[in-house]
Structure formats: C-alpha cells, structure tokens
Protein backbone atom coordinates (compact mmCIF):
# COMPACT_ATOMS: atom_id res chain seq x y z
CA UNK A 1 -3.18 18.15 -11.20
CA UNK A 2 -4.69 15.58 -9.15
CA UNK A 3 -4.54 12.94 -11.61
CA UNK A 4 -1.31 11.47 -10.56
CA UNK A 5 -2.48 11.29 -6.85
CA UNK A 6 -5.78 9.54 -7.69
CA UNK A 7 -3.85 6.59 -9.31
CA UNK A 8 -1.88 4.35 -7.07
CA UNK A 9 0.83 3.35 -9.78
CA UNK A 10 2.49 0.56 -7.50
CA UNK A 11 -0.90 -1.41 -7.25
CA UNK A 12 -1.82 -0.53 -10.76
CA UNK A 13 1.47 -1.88 -12.01
CA UNK A 14 1.11 -5.15 -10.04
CA UNK A 15 -2.44 -5.69 -11.11
CA UNK A 16 -1.39 -5.08 -14.98
CA UNK A 17 1.25 -7.66 -14.53
CA UNK A 18 -0.65 -10.28 -12.60
CA UNK A 19 -3.93 -10.09 -14.59
CA UNK A 20 -2.04 -10.07 -17.98
CA UNK A 21 -0.14 -13.02 -16.73
CA UNK A 22 -3.07 -14.87 -15.82
CA UNK A 23 -4.77 -14.09 -19.04
CA UNK A 24 -2.00 -15.13 -21.16
CA UNK A 25 -0.49 -18.00 -19.13
CA UNK A 26 2.95 -16.32 -19.94
CA UNK A 27 5.38 -14.01 -17.88
CA UNK A 28 4.72 -10.39 -18.63
CA UNK A 29 7.22 -7.76 -18.14
CA UNK A 30 7.65 -3.91 -18.72
CA UNK A 31 10.12 -1.33 -17.92
CA UNK A 32 8.17 1.59 -16.68
CA UNK A 33 4.62 2.87 -15.89
CA UNK A 34 3.51 6.24 -15.84
CA UNK A 35 0.43 8.64 -15.83
CA UNK A 36 -0.08 10.48 -19.05
CA UNK A 37 -2.51 13.61 -19.29
CA UNK A 38 -2.50 14.28 -23.02
CA UNK A 39 -4.37 13.96 -25.23
CA UNK A 40 -6.50 12.02 -22.53
CA UNK A 41 -5.68 10.77 -19.38
CA UNK A 42 -3.93 7.26 -19.42
CA UNK A 43 -1.64 5.13 -17.98
CA UNK A 44 1.41 4.38 -20.23
CA UNK A 45 3.63 1.31 -20.28
CA UNK A 46 6.91 1.47 -21.63
CA UNK A 47 8.78 -1.65 -23.29
CA UNK A 48 6.30 -4.51 -22.73
CA UNK A 49 7.56 -8.08 -23.22
CA UNK A 50 5.45 -11.09 -23.23
CA UNK A 51 7.45 -14.43 -22.99
CA UNK A 52 7.22 -17.37 -25.52
CA UNK A 53 6.21 -20.94 -24.46
CA UNK A 54 9.73 -22.44 -24.16
CA UNK A 55 8.98 -25.02 -26.76
CA UNK A 56 8.88 -22.55 -29.29
CA UNK A 57 12.29 -20.87 -28.68
CA UNK A 58 13.74 -18.12 -26.22
CA UNK A 59 12.66 -15.33 -28.40
CA UNK A 60 9.62 -13.23 -26.68
CA UNK A 61 6.30 -13.80 -28.03
CA UNK A 62 5.30 -10.19 -28.12
CA UNK A 63 7.07 -6.99 -27.64
CA UNK A 64 5.69 -3.33 -27.77
CA UNK A 65 7.46 0.05 -27.41
CA UNK A 66 4.41 1.65 -25.79
CA UNK A 67 0.87 0.79 -24.61
CA UNK A 68 -1.52 3.37 -23.46
CA UNK A 69 -4.63 2.39 -21.09
CA UNK A 70 -7.11 5.24 -21.27
CA UNK A 71 -8.43 6.01 -17.75
CA UNK A 72 -12.38 6.17 -17.21
CA UNK A 73 -12.53 9.59 -15.35
CA UNK A 74 -15.92 9.28 -13.64
CA UNK A 75 -14.81 6.00 -12.15
CA UNK A 76 -11.33 7.62 -11.10
CA UNK A 77 -13.26 10.56 -9.40
CA UNK A 78 -15.26 8.06 -7.30
CA UNK A 79 -12.05 6.33 -6.10
CA UNK A 80 -11.80 3.41 -8.74
CA UNK A 81 -9.29 2.92 -11.38
CA UNK A 82 -10.80 1.45 -14.58
CA UNK A 83 -9.59 1.54 -18.18
CA UNK A 84 -11.80 2.11 -21.25
CA UNK A 85 -9.47 1.54 -24.38
CA UNK A 86 -5.98 0.17 -24.82
CA UNK A 87 -3.80 1.50 -27.59
CA UNK A 88 -0.71 -0.60 -28.61
CA UNK A 89 2.21 1.25 -30.53
CA UNK A 90 4.56 -0.80 -32.75
CA UNK A 91 4.17 -4.22 -31.34
CA UNK A 92 6.06 -7.22 -32.66
CA UNK A 93 4.24 -10.48 -32.61
CA UNK A 94 6.05 -13.70 -33.51
CA UNK A 95 4.15 -16.97 -33.98
CA UNK A 96 5.85 -20.35 -34.61
CA UNK A 97 4.51 -23.23 -36.10
CA UNK A 98 6.17 -26.67 -35.43
CA UNK A 99 6.17 -29.92 -37.55
CA UNK A 100 3.38 -31.50 -35.44
CA UNK A 101 0.88 -28.46 -36.57
CA UNK A 102 1.01 -26.89 -33.09
CA UNK A 103 1.85 -23.25 -32.81
CA UNK A 104 2.75 -20.74 -30.13
CA UNK A 105 -0.75 -19.34 -30.25
CA UNK A 106 -2.16 -22.65 -28.81
CA UNK A 107 -0.65 -22.54 -25.56
CA UNK A 108 -1.79 -18.85 -24.96
CA UNK A 109 -3.77 -18.91 -21.42
CA UNK A 110 -2.75 -22.56 -20.80
CA UNK A 111 -1.61 -21.70 -17.37
CA UNK A 112 -4.56 -19.48 -16.54
CA UNK A 113 -6.98 -21.10 -14.17
CA UNK A 114 -10.36 -21.90 -15.42
CA UNK A 115 -13.30 -19.33 -15.60
CA UNK A 116 -14.88 -18.94 -12.12
CA UNK A 117 -12.12 -20.49 -10.13
CA UNK A 118 -11.16 -18.58 -6.86
CA UNK A 119 -8.45 -16.25 -6.86
CA UNK A 120 -5.68 -16.45 -4.34
CA UNK A 121 -5.55 -13.86 -1.44
CA UNK A 122 -2.56 -12.16 -3.21
CA UNK A 123 -3.85 -12.07 -6.76
CA UNK A 124 -3.94 -8.71 -8.70
CA UNK A 125 -7.37 -7.42 -8.20
CA UNK A 126 -7.18 -7.88 -4.43
CA UNK A 127 -3.73 -6.42 -4.06
CA UNK A 128 -4.68 -3.50 -6.22
CA UNK A 129 -7.41 -2.42 -4.22
CA UNK A 130 -9.96 -0.43 -6.14
CA UNK A 131 -8.18 -0.90 -9.40
CA UNK A 132 -9.85 -2.97 -12.10
CA UNK A 133 -9.45 -4.07 -15.86
CA UNK A 134 -12.60 -3.52 -17.79
CA UNK A 135 -11.55 -2.80 -21.33
CA UNK A 136 -13.96 -2.30 -24.33
CA UNK A 137 -11.75 -1.40 -27.22
CA UNK A 138 -8.34 -2.33 -28.31
CA UNK A 139 -6.26 -0.45 -30.88
CA UNK A 140 -3.00 -1.63 -32.44
CA UNK A 141 -1.02 0.36 -34.83
CA UNK A 142 2.23 -0.26 -36.83
CA UNK A 143 2.14 -3.80 -35.70
CA UNK A 144 4.49 -6.55 -37.15
CA UNK A 145 3.13 -10.04 -37.40
CA UNK A 146 6.15 -12.71 -37.99
CA UNK A 147 4.78 -16.30 -38.68
CA UNK A 148 7.46 -19.11 -38.92
CA UNK A 149 7.26 -22.69 -39.75
CA UNK A 150 9.65 -25.53 -38.64
CA UNK A 151 10.46 -29.12 -39.60
CA UNK A 152 11.01 -32.09 -37.14
CA UNK A 153 14.59 -30.85 -36.56
CA UNK A 154 13.37 -27.50 -35.47
CA UNK A 155 14.94 -26.01 -38.62
CA UNK A 156 13.07 -23.07 -40.25
CA UNK A 157 11.29 -24.08 -43.14
CA UNK A 158 9.50 -20.84 -44.05
CA UNK A 159 9.11 -17.23 -42.70
CA UNK A 160 6.22 -14.65 -43.59
CA UNK A 161 5.32 -11.55 -42.00
CA UNK A 162 2.21 -8.81 -42.10
CA UNK A 163 3.76 -5.54 -41.60
CA UNK A 164 2.21 -1.98 -41.02
CA UNK A 165 -0.69 -3.91 -39.46
CA UNK A 166 -3.37 -1.82 -38.09
CA UNK A 167 -6.08 -3.74 -35.92
CA UNK A 168 -9.03 -2.61 -33.87
CA UNK A 169 -11.03 -4.86 -31.37
CA UNK A 170 -14.28 -3.54 -30.22
CA UNK A 171 -16.96 -5.09 -27.80
CA UNK A 172 -14.72 -6.62 -25.22
CA UNK A 173 -16.84 -7.51 -22.40
CA UNK A 174 -19.88 -8.31 -24.58
CA UNK A 175 -20.71 -11.37 -26.02
CA UNK A 176 -19.22 -10.75 -29.41
CA UNK A 177 -16.16 -8.88 -30.47
CA UNK A 178 -16.01 -7.33 -33.51
CA UNK A 179 -12.34 -7.09 -35.56
CA UNK A 180 -11.26 -4.98 -38.35
CA UNK A 181 -7.80 -4.35 -39.71
CA UNK A 182 -5.32 -3.98 -42.64
CA UNK A 183 -1.67 -4.57 -43.65
CA UNK A 184 0.76 -5.81 -46.04
CA UNK A 185 1.96 -9.29 -46.26
CA UNK A 186 5.60 -10.34 -47.16
CA UNK A 187 6.96 -11.81 -49.14
CA UNK A 188 4.67 -10.70 -51.97
CA UNK A 189 3.75 -7.26 -50.79
CA UNK A 190 0.10 -8.05 -50.92
CA UNK A 191 -2.54 -5.88 -49.32
CA UNK A 192 -4.58 -7.55 -46.61
CA UNK A 193 -7.93 -6.45 -44.98
CA UNK A 194 -9.97 -8.27 -42.61
CA UNK A 195 -13.42 -7.80 -40.74
CA UNK A 196 -14.72 -10.52 -38.51
CA UNK A 197 -16.87 -11.22 -35.72
CA UNK A 198 -15.42 -13.35 -32.77
CA UNK A 199 -17.70 -15.12 -30.40
CA UNK A 200 -19.93 -15.52 -28.51
CA UNK A 201 -17.72 -15.83 -25.72
CA UNK A 202 -18.14 -18.82 -23.31
CA UNK A 203 -15.36 -21.07 -24.97
CA UNK A 204 -12.72 -22.58 -22.77
CA UNK A 205 -10.08 -20.64 -24.41
CA UNK A 206 -9.90 -17.47 -26.72
CA UNK A 207 -8.38 -19.69 -29.39
CA UNK A 208 -11.66 -21.78 -29.23
CA UNK A 209 -13.68 -18.86 -29.94
CA UNK A 210 -15.72 -19.08 -33.23
CA UNK A 211 -14.72 -16.76 -36.25
CA UNK A 212 -17.14 -15.43 -39.01
CA UNK A 213 -15.90 -12.81 -41.32
CA UNK A 214 -14.21 -12.17 -44.41
CA UNK A 215 -10.44 -11.31 -45.66
CA UNK A 216 -9.57 -9.96 -48.74
CA UNK A 217 -5.99 -9.67 -50.59
CA UNK A 218 -4.75 -7.72 -53.51
CA UNK A 219 -1.32 -7.23 -55.30
CA UNK A 220 -0.73 -5.01 -57.97
CA UNK A 221 2.36 -7.26 -59.23
CA UNK A 222 3.03 -11.01 -58.59
CA UNK A 223 6.72 -10.42 -59.21
CA UNK A 224 7.82 -9.92 -55.24
CA UNK A 225 5.84 -13.20 -54.32
CA UNK A 226 7.34 -15.41 -57.20
CA UNK A 227 10.74 -14.60 -56.42
CA UNK A 228 10.29 -15.49 -52.73
CA UNK A 229 8.89 -18.81 -53.73
CA UNK A 230 10.54 -19.48 -57.17
CA UNK A 231 13.76 -17.70 -56.88
CA UNK A 232 14.94 -15.21 -59.61
CA UNK A 233 13.65 -17.10 -62.58
CA UNK A 234 11.24 -17.39 -63.76
CA UNK A 235 9.22 -14.50 -62.54
CA UNK A 236 5.48 -14.04 -62.52
CA UNK A 237 3.87 -10.79 -63.61
CA UNK A 238 0.41 -9.57 -63.23
CA UNK A 239 -2.25 -8.01 -60.75
CA UNK A 240 -4.48 -10.32 -58.76
CA UNK A 241 -6.94 -10.01 -56.17
CA UNK A 242 -9.26 -12.44 -53.97
CA UNK A 243 -11.48 -12.70 -51.04
CA UNK A 244 -12.08 -15.43 -48.50
CA UNK A 245 -15.16 -16.21 -45.86
CA UNK A 246 -13.50 -17.07 -42.73
CA UNK A 247 -15.04 -19.51 -40.38
CA UNK A 248 -13.58 -22.16 -37.81
CA UNK A 249 -12.11 -20.87 -34.59
CA UNK A 250 -9.60 -18.24 -33.70
CA UNK A 251 -6.80 -21.14 -33.09
CA UNK A 252 -7.82 -22.90 -36.27
CA UNK A 253 -9.07 -20.44 -38.88
CA UNK A 254 -10.45 -21.61 -42.39
CA UNK A 255 -11.26 -19.88 -45.55
CA UNK A 256 -13.48 -20.37 -48.57
CA UNK A 257 -13.28 -18.08 -51.74
CA UNK A 258 -11.13 -17.38 -54.82
CA UNK A 259 -8.48 -15.40 -56.23
CA UNK A 260 -8.56 -13.94 -59.87
CA UNK A 261 -6.48 -12.36 -62.49
CA UNK A 262 -7.07 -11.43 -65.94
CA UNK A 263 -3.76 -12.67 -66.99
CA UNK A 264 -0.35 -13.89 -65.45
CA UNK A 265 2.80 -13.93 -67.46
CA UNK A 266 5.99 -15.77 -66.83
CA UNK A 267 9.46 -14.34 -67.80
CA UNK A 268 12.77 -16.14 -68.11
CA UNK A 269 16.16 -15.29 -69.61
CA UNK A 270 17.25 -18.02 -72.11
CA UNK A 271 21.10 -17.92 -72.64
CA UNK A 272 22.30 -19.08 -75.89
CA UNK A 273 18.83 -18.86 -77.75
CA UNK A 274 17.83 -16.76 -80.46
CA UNK A 275 16.60 -13.30 -79.62
CA UNK A 276 14.70 -12.25 -77.55
CA UNK A 277 16.81 -13.24 -74.49
CA UNK A 278 13.89 -12.80 -72.31
CA UNK A 279 11.02 -15.24 -73.02
CA UNK A 280 7.56 -15.04 -72.02
CA UNK A 281 4.26 -16.86 -71.57
CA UNK A 282 0.94 -15.51 -70.75
CA UNK A 283 -1.94 -17.80 -68.84
CA UNK A 284 -5.21 -16.07 -69.35
CA UNK A 285 -8.49 -16.06 -67.25
CA UNK A 286 -7.10 -17.15 -63.99
CA UNK A 287 -9.72 -17.98 -61.43
CA UNK A 288 -8.75 -20.24 -58.52
CA UNK A 289 -11.38 -21.22 -56.03
CA UNK A 290 -9.71 -21.95 -52.72
CA UNK A 291 -10.42 -23.74 -49.43
CA UNK A 292 -7.66 -22.49 -46.85
CA UNK A 293 -7.05 -24.43 -43.89
CA UNK A 294 -4.49 -24.55 -41.15
CA UNK A 295 -0.96 -25.12 -42.87
CA UNK A 296 -2.37 -25.40 -46.61
CA UNK A 297 -4.59 -23.94 -49.19
CA UNK A 298 -6.49 -26.23 -51.48
CA UNK A 299 -7.72 -25.31 -55.12
CA UNK A 300 -10.89 -26.86 -56.31
CA UNK A 301 -10.79 -27.82 -60.06
CA UNK A 302 -10.12 -25.00 -62.44
CA UNK A 303 -9.72 -24.05 -65.77
CA UNK A 304 -7.00 -21.92 -67.35
CA UNK A 305 -6.41 -20.72 -70.93
CA UNK A 306 -2.92 -20.86 -72.37
CA UNK A 307 -1.35 -21.32 -75.91
CA UNK A 308 -4.72 -21.64 -77.53
CA UNK A 309 -5.95 -24.31 -75.36
CA UNK A 310 -7.22 -25.19 -71.92
CA UNK A 311 -5.44 -26.61 -68.77
CA UNK A 312 -7.84 -27.75 -65.98
CA UNK A 313 -6.38 -29.05 -62.59
CA UNK A 314 -6.69 -28.90 -58.74
CA UNK A 315 -3.96 -28.08 -56.61
CA UNK A 316 -2.64 -28.17 -52.90
CA UNK A 317 -0.10 -25.40 -51.45
CA UNK A 318 1.22 -26.45 -48.30
CA UNK A 319 3.32 -24.33 -46.08
CA UNK A 320 3.77 -26.60 -43.24
CA UNK A 321 5.93 -28.74 -42.56
CA UNK A 322 7.54 -27.33 -45.72
CA UNK A 323 6.35 -25.31 -48.78
CA UNK A 324 5.22 -28.08 -51.19
CA UNK A 325 3.08 -27.75 -54.39
CA UNK A 326 0.84 -30.75 -55.54
CA UNK A 327 -1.05 -30.61 -58.85
CA UNK A 328 -3.72 -33.20 -59.25
CA UNK A 329 -6.55 -34.05 -61.96
CA UNK A 330 -4.26 -32.26 -64.49
CA UNK A 331 -6.12 -32.47 -67.93
CA UNK A 332 -4.56 -30.63 -70.85
CA UNK A 333 -6.22 -30.14 -74.05
CA UNK A 334 -5.35 -28.73 -77.45
CA UNK A 335 -2.61 -26.68 -75.81
CA UNK A 336 -0.22 -25.62 -78.46
CA UNK A 337 3.34 -26.68 -77.78
CA UNK A 338 5.31 -24.31 -80.08
CA UNK A 339 4.65 -21.26 -77.86
CA UNK A 340 5.67 -23.13 -74.94
CA UNK A 341 8.64 -25.12 -75.87
CA UNK A 342 9.83 -22.96 -78.84
CA UNK A 343 8.67 -19.52 -77.81
CA UNK A 344 9.26 -19.60 -73.83
CA UNK A 345 11.47 -22.48 -73.16
CA UNK A 346 13.85 -22.31 -76.20
CA UNK A 347 13.86 -26.17 -75.83
CA UNK A 348 15.95 -28.38 -78.17
CA UNK A 349 13.30 -30.63 -78.31
CA UNK A 350 10.51 -28.57 -79.44
CA UNK A 351 7.50 -29.82 -81.63
CA UNK A 352 5.01 -27.73 -83.23
CA UNK A 353 1.65 -29.63 -82.31
CA UNK A 354 -1.22 -29.80 -79.97
CA UNK A 355 -0.56 -31.42 -76.59
CA UNK A 356 -2.98 -33.57 -74.73
CA UNK A 357 -2.31 -34.78 -70.97
CA UNK A 358 -3.66 -36.34 -67.98
CA UNK A 359 -1.63 -36.69 -64.99
CA UNK A 360 -0.35 -35.42 -61.56
CA UNK A 361 2.62 -33.53 -60.08
CA UNK A 362 3.98 -32.87 -56.47
CA UNK A 363 7.29 -31.23 -55.42
CA UNK A 364 8.94 -28.83 -52.92
CA UNK A 365 9.20 -25.18 -53.80
CA UNK A 366 12.38 -24.78 -51.92
CA UNK A 367 15.03 -23.06 -54.35
CA UNK A 368 16.88 -25.63 -56.42
CA UNK A 369 14.67 -28.88 -54.95
CA UNK A 370 11.78 -28.80 -57.14
CA UNK A 371 13.07 -30.71 -60.08
CA UNK A 372 15.28 -32.78 -58.05
CA UNK A 373 12.49 -34.10 -55.92
CA UNK A 374 9.56 -33.54 -58.27
CA UNK A 375 7.26 -36.75 -58.28
CA UNK A 376 4.13 -37.63 -60.47
CA UNK A 377 2.55 -39.92 -63.23
CA UNK A 378 0.50 -39.48 -66.35
CA UNK A 379 -0.12 -40.00 -70.22
CA UNK A 380 0.42 -37.80 -72.95
CA UNK A 381 -0.49 -37.64 -76.50
CA UNK A 382 0.93 -35.07 -78.82
CA UNK A 383 -1.21 -34.79 -82.28
CA UNK A 384 -0.07 -34.39 -85.71
CA UNK A 385 2.70 -31.69 -86.11
CA UNK A 386 6.36 -30.87 -87.17
CA UNK A 387 9.65 -31.68 -84.92
CA UNK A 388 11.27 -28.25 -84.91
CA UNK A 389 13.76 -28.41 -82.07
CA UNK A 390 17.32 -28.60 -83.39
CA UNK A 391 18.20 -31.40 -80.91
CA UNK A 392 15.10 -33.36 -82.01
CA UNK A 393 15.76 -32.81 -85.51
CA UNK A 394 19.33 -34.17 -85.29
CA UNK A 395 18.15 -37.27 -83.28
CA UNK A 396 15.08 -38.33 -85.59
CA UNK A 397 17.28 -37.74 -88.56
CA UNK A 398 19.84 -39.76 -87.53
CA UNK A 399 17.83 -42.56 -86.81
CA UNK A 400 16.25 -42.21 -90.35
CA UNK A 401 19.77 -42.28 -91.69
CA UNK A 402 21.15 -45.21 -89.70
CA UNK A 403 17.70 -47.22 -90.72
CA UNK A 404 18.71 -46.41 -94.24
CA UNK A 405 22.11 -47.53 -93.91
CA UNK A 406 20.87 -50.90 -92.48
CA UNK A 407 18.47 -51.52 -95.04
CA UNK A 408 20.17 -50.65 -98.21
CA UNK A 409 23.75 -51.29 -97.53
CA UNK A 410 24.96 -47.68 -97.50
CA UNK A 411 28.57 -47.00 -96.44
CA UNK A 412 28.71 -45.52 -92.87
CA UNK A 413 30.63 -42.85 -94.11
CA UNK A 414 27.53 -41.61 -96.07
CA UNK A 415 25.84 -40.45 -92.74
CA UNK A 416 27.93 -37.47 -92.44
CA UNK A 417 27.45 -36.49 -95.98
CA UNK A 418 23.39 -36.36 -95.26
CA UNK A 419 22.25 -33.26 -94.18
CA UNK A 420 19.22 -33.41 -91.82
CA UNK A 421 15.96 -31.90 -92.95
CA UNK A 422 14.74 -28.36 -91.45
CA UNK A 423 11.91 -30.20 -90.02
CA UNK A 424 10.26 -33.51 -89.51
CA UNK A 425 6.37 -33.91 -89.84
CA UNK A 426 4.80 -36.78 -87.65
CA UNK A 427 1.24 -38.36 -87.18
CA UNK A 428 1.64 -38.63 -83.32
CA UNK A 429 3.77 -39.02 -80.10
CA UNK A 430 2.68 -40.70 -77.02
CA UNK A 431 3.77 -42.15 -73.76
CA UNK A 432 2.74 -43.26 -70.33
CA UNK A 433 5.24 -41.97 -67.78
CA UNK A 434 6.11 -41.80 -64.11
CA UNK A 435 8.21 -39.26 -62.37
CA UNK A 436 10.31 -40.28 -59.31
CA UNK A 437 12.81 -37.86 -57.64
CA UNK A 438 13.14 -35.92 -60.69
CA UNK A 439 13.56 -38.50 -63.24
CA UNK A 440 10.71 -39.52 -66.03
CA UNK A 441 10.69 -43.14 -66.85
CA UNK A 442 8.50 -44.53 -69.66
CA UNK A 443 8.13 -48.11 -71.26
CA UNK A 444 6.00 -47.14 -74.15
CA UNK A 445 7.26 -43.95 -75.79
CA UNK A 446 5.78 -44.11 -79.39
CA UNK A 447 6.99 -41.80 -82.24
CA UNK A 448 4.87 -42.36 -85.60
CA UNK A 449 5.52 -40.85 -88.98
CA UNK A 450 5.72 -41.73 -92.68
CA UNK A 451 9.32 -41.74 -92.61
CA UNK A 452 10.05 -43.55 -89.22
CA UNK A 453 8.46 -45.54 -86.50
CA UNK A 454 10.19 -45.46 -83.27
CA UNK A 455 9.26 -47.31 -79.92
CA UNK A 456 11.35 -46.60 -76.87
CA UNK A 457 11.99 -47.28 -73.24
CA UNK A 458 14.04 -45.43 -70.95
CA UNK A 459 14.77 -42.40 -68.61
CA UNK A 460 15.18 -38.58 -68.73
CA UNK A 461 16.66 -37.04 -65.63
CA UNK A 462 15.12 -33.42 -65.24
CA UNK A 463 17.89 -31.74 -63.42
CA UNK A 464 20.86 -32.23 -65.45
CA UNK A 465 18.71 -33.22 -68.83
CA UNK A 466 20.27 -36.70 -69.27
CA UNK A 467 18.62 -39.12 -71.41
CA UNK A 468 19.03 -42.98 -71.17
CA UNK A 469 16.69 -44.77 -73.81
CA UNK A 470 16.58 -48.25 -75.59
CA UNK A 471 14.62 -47.71 -79.06
CA UNK A 472 13.65 -49.82 -81.85
CA UNK A 473 13.39 -47.99 -85.26
CA UNK A 474 11.52 -48.69 -88.23
CA UNK A 475 11.92 -47.09 -91.62
CA UNK A 476 9.65 -49.05 -93.93
CA UNK A 477 12.82 -50.83 -95.35
CA UNK A 478 14.24 -52.08 -92.15
CA UNK A 479 14.65 -52.28 -88.52
CA UNK A 480 17.20 -51.33 -86.20
CA UNK A 481 17.78 -51.15 -82.52
CA UNK A 482 19.82 -48.63 -80.89
CA UNK A 483 20.80 -46.95 -77.32
CA UNK A 484 20.14 -43.39 -77.05
CA UNK A 485 22.27 -42.09 -73.95
CA UNK A 486 24.00 -38.69 -72.93
CA UNK A 487 23.18 -34.97 -72.54
CA UNK A 488 19.87 -34.31 -74.30
CA UNK A 489 21.41 -31.46 -76.36
CA UNK A 490 23.90 -34.09 -77.84
CA UNK A 491 23.15 -37.55 -77.04
CA UNK A 492 25.08 -40.46 -78.53
CA UNK A 493 23.37 -43.09 -80.51
CA UNK A 494 24.74 -46.53 -80.50
CA UNK A 495 23.50 -49.19 -82.63
CA UNK A 496 22.81 -52.64 -80.64
CA UNK A 497 25.42 -55.72 -81.54
CA UNK A 498 22.70 -57.19 -83.75
CA UNK A 499 22.60 -53.93 -85.58
CA UNK A 500 26.15 -53.65 -86.01
CA UNK A 501 26.20 -57.01 -87.39
CA UNK A 502 23.57 -56.23 -90.04
CA UNK A 503 25.54 -53.22 -91.00
CA UNK A 504 28.60 -55.36 -91.46
CA UNK A 505 26.79 -57.86 -93.52
CA UNK A 506 25.29 -55.12 -95.74
CA UNK A 507 28.60 -53.69 -96.34
CA UNK A 508 30.06 -57.00 -97.21
CA UNK A 509 27.28 -57.68 -99.61
CA UNK A 510 28.05 -54.18 -100.97
CA UNK A 511 31.91 -54.97 -101.52
CA UNK A 512 31.19 -58.40 -103.06
CA UNK A 513 28.95 -56.94 -105.46
CA UNK A 514 31.69 -54.62 -106.40
CA UNK A 515 34.58 -57.15 -106.74
CA UNK A 516 36.13 -57.83 -110.14
CA UNK A 517 35.27 -60.72 -111.90
C-alpha cells in the first residue's frame, strides 16, 4: 500500500527520460509511467519511442509497447529508488544501412558526453533526488528487428527482419556482459540462436565493445529463402544448418564457420517440354565454409557433387549496397551435361557429354536483373559425346548439308529432302568466352566431329537467347562460310557471298554436264 508513496514518479520519469537520452544520444519519449505491484513491484513505461538519427529517415529507431523496471525493495525501504531488471515487451527495432556502409546503430550514444565528464546541475540523477539507475539484467520478449539496406539514391535495396526475438542480457555493471537469444530470420524462415560475451567494458562506445560467441542457424526448407532471392523460379528445396564463431565489435560483427546440407534440389517448370513439366536437379554434399563481415558473406573454396562430377568454387554474397552474387575460381570436372541441359533445363542445344570449365561469374540477385547484368569469363571444354538438343541437331545437320552442296554440286532443293539424323556424335567442343552485361562473346568456338569441323566467333545474348555468329565449316569435301543469326531455337543460316558463288558455280557445272550434246 505504501509503495506508490515511496516512488516519486515525476522525478523517476525525469530521470529515465534524461538518462536514457544521454546513453543513446537520441530523444526518448513515452506516454505514461506508473507503479505496478504484481507479479513483483516495478515501474511500468507505456509506449516508449526512441528517435532515429535524421540521416537515416524520420521513422523511430525503437518503439516498445511496455517496459517494466523491477524495483529493489531494500533500497526502496531505505529511501532510494533503484532498478534490478528491465523487461521489454514487443519492441520494434529498425536498423538502416546506407551506401557508405554506415548504419543507424553507429551513431547511438554519439551525443552522450564522454565517461567521467561532469554533469550539469539539471541532469537526471540530481533532479531525481535519491533515484538512480543500476540495472543488472535486461529481458526482451517478442521483439521484431528490421534491417534495411539503401543505395546512393537512398532507395531501399533489401529488407530483412528477425521476428519472435527473445534476448537476455546479464551482467550489466560488471566487466563482461553475457547475451543469449533466439528468433526467426525472414525472408527464409531460418531459426537463429546466439550466445555471446560482450566486453570487457571501457570502450569509447557500446558499439566498440569486443564480442566473442557463437551463432547458429537452421532451416527445414530453403524454399522461402530462394523465393525471396531468386523469385518463384527456380525454387531450392533442402534442409540446412550452420554455425559461426563471432568476433569483432558490437558495431562491426564478424563470423567464421560453415553451412552444411546433405543435398539441395533446384526445381523449375519447363513449359513446352516433354513431361515432366517440373524439372529438378540435385546438388549433393554441400559444405560451405563462410567468413561473414559487415555487408557481405565470403565463401572459401568448396566442392559440390552434381551430375556425376564435381564443382569447386569460392563465392561472395554482398547485400550492401545491393544484393550481388560473385563466384570465382570456378572449376568444373566431369560434370555430365545431359542431366543439366536435357533433364533440368530442357535446352534445345543440349549435349550428352562431360563438361570441364574454369572461370568466374558475377551478377545482381534482384529479380529480372541477373541475366541482364551478368559478367564473367572463362574457358570450357566438352569431351566426346552426342548432340541431343533438337535445335543443335537441326543447326549442325544443316551445316553438314550446306557443306555437301558446296562440295558435290547438289541442288539447293535437296536440302529440304534430307532429314537430319536423330543425334550427332562429336569429339570435342571448346571455347574461351567473356560475359558482359548478359552477352557471351567468343572468338574461338570449336566443334570437332568426323562429319563436320566448325570454327566460330560471335555472341549469344542470355536474356533473349539471340545468336549472332560467323562460322567456317569443313565437311572433309569442302569448306563453307556462313552467318548464323536469330533466336537460338530457330536461327537462320546465311552462306557468305563467296559460298553462294561456289554454289552457283557448282550448279552451273552440274547443268552443263546434263545438257544434250
């Protein structure tokens, strides 16, 4: 009954507002303050708001429905107001990261005076009389943490959040804090757990305090994350888990560890292809060693198994200033192309042969931009096998037939009468290539077989699958030059002027031989 009379609420209100503002360097407001008796005596703050640094927008940095500051009864009975524990219910925290790599956390406490500086006569502790803040524990429940990245034009480039976040901070006032918590990361619905030590204290700012601990992540299915990053197609299925050892400072956390999955399956619908309409491809034994730094995650060289072969690569996933994937040191060995090109992609230029490749790739993961802004380079060599894709079979068969016309003097009408073979065997396909803004160019494409030898130079646009190649084909009986241009599924073959003259000459010789004597 005496508790409300022992707590001078106006002084406590002034103390909390001023001391919190000093510590955070931001204006702090709340709707009301009252004394609560149950379950334990406490001061309750309703509707707390902590303002944002104006450089990062007008929205508040933190809002909370209710905060309970538990009172120390012994101190209260002796005439002093002190708090032992803070419990924060349903707070919403918003962190903005700009194009320079600075975020709204970095300016917390910037306006606070340095440790040890004298307080002014009107400061909180003095105006609140016997009230002091001496908190040893903080309990946060049902929190939502939002993280947003922005580009140089201050436009949002990515948004991530942790929901259902529970966080316990112990040891306030001691040299080292212990932090433990759990939540769910979205997009991706990944379970997150963290346990860390922060300190020792003495840093110029809380954000400069050293951190040591571990964070673990786990997801039963990659589908929500893949849809957020890649769109509806393809979708990635498979469970994964990982752990990272934390280091660095609270403002610039770093992590070192790995993510593992027994298998990850990519699925995508392929309209206009033979059943099944939804095609899939599985990557096995996924183990990704990671180093996470502010704004990016870097993978050390790793090895994957797919289609009977291995792929080794290193990569970087950057989310600031924009979500970008970079793959480097790519090395492909004996990967079967049939399961990928025919089984999964239903590609018209599919071949059944082993692939060897070395190169690198980089592109933004924003929906619709990856193929348009893809860049990279490399060398590929496809071993002996067969051309199985219908578009490739038609193309190479036409080149063989045109070469036959040039060398034997057959009439041009005979081309339509010759049916292309069901498949074409070859000894090797090789090329050195470069990719710039989604267009692949090569100057040394080579196709070798017993029937045909082709050398080509040109380009292939990935977004609209448009071919533009100059080729020289040799059939063993003659040589012809042609330009292959148009949509990849049905390009036109235009013999060069020299080749056309050779056809005309061959036809003239044929007609002269058939003329009556």
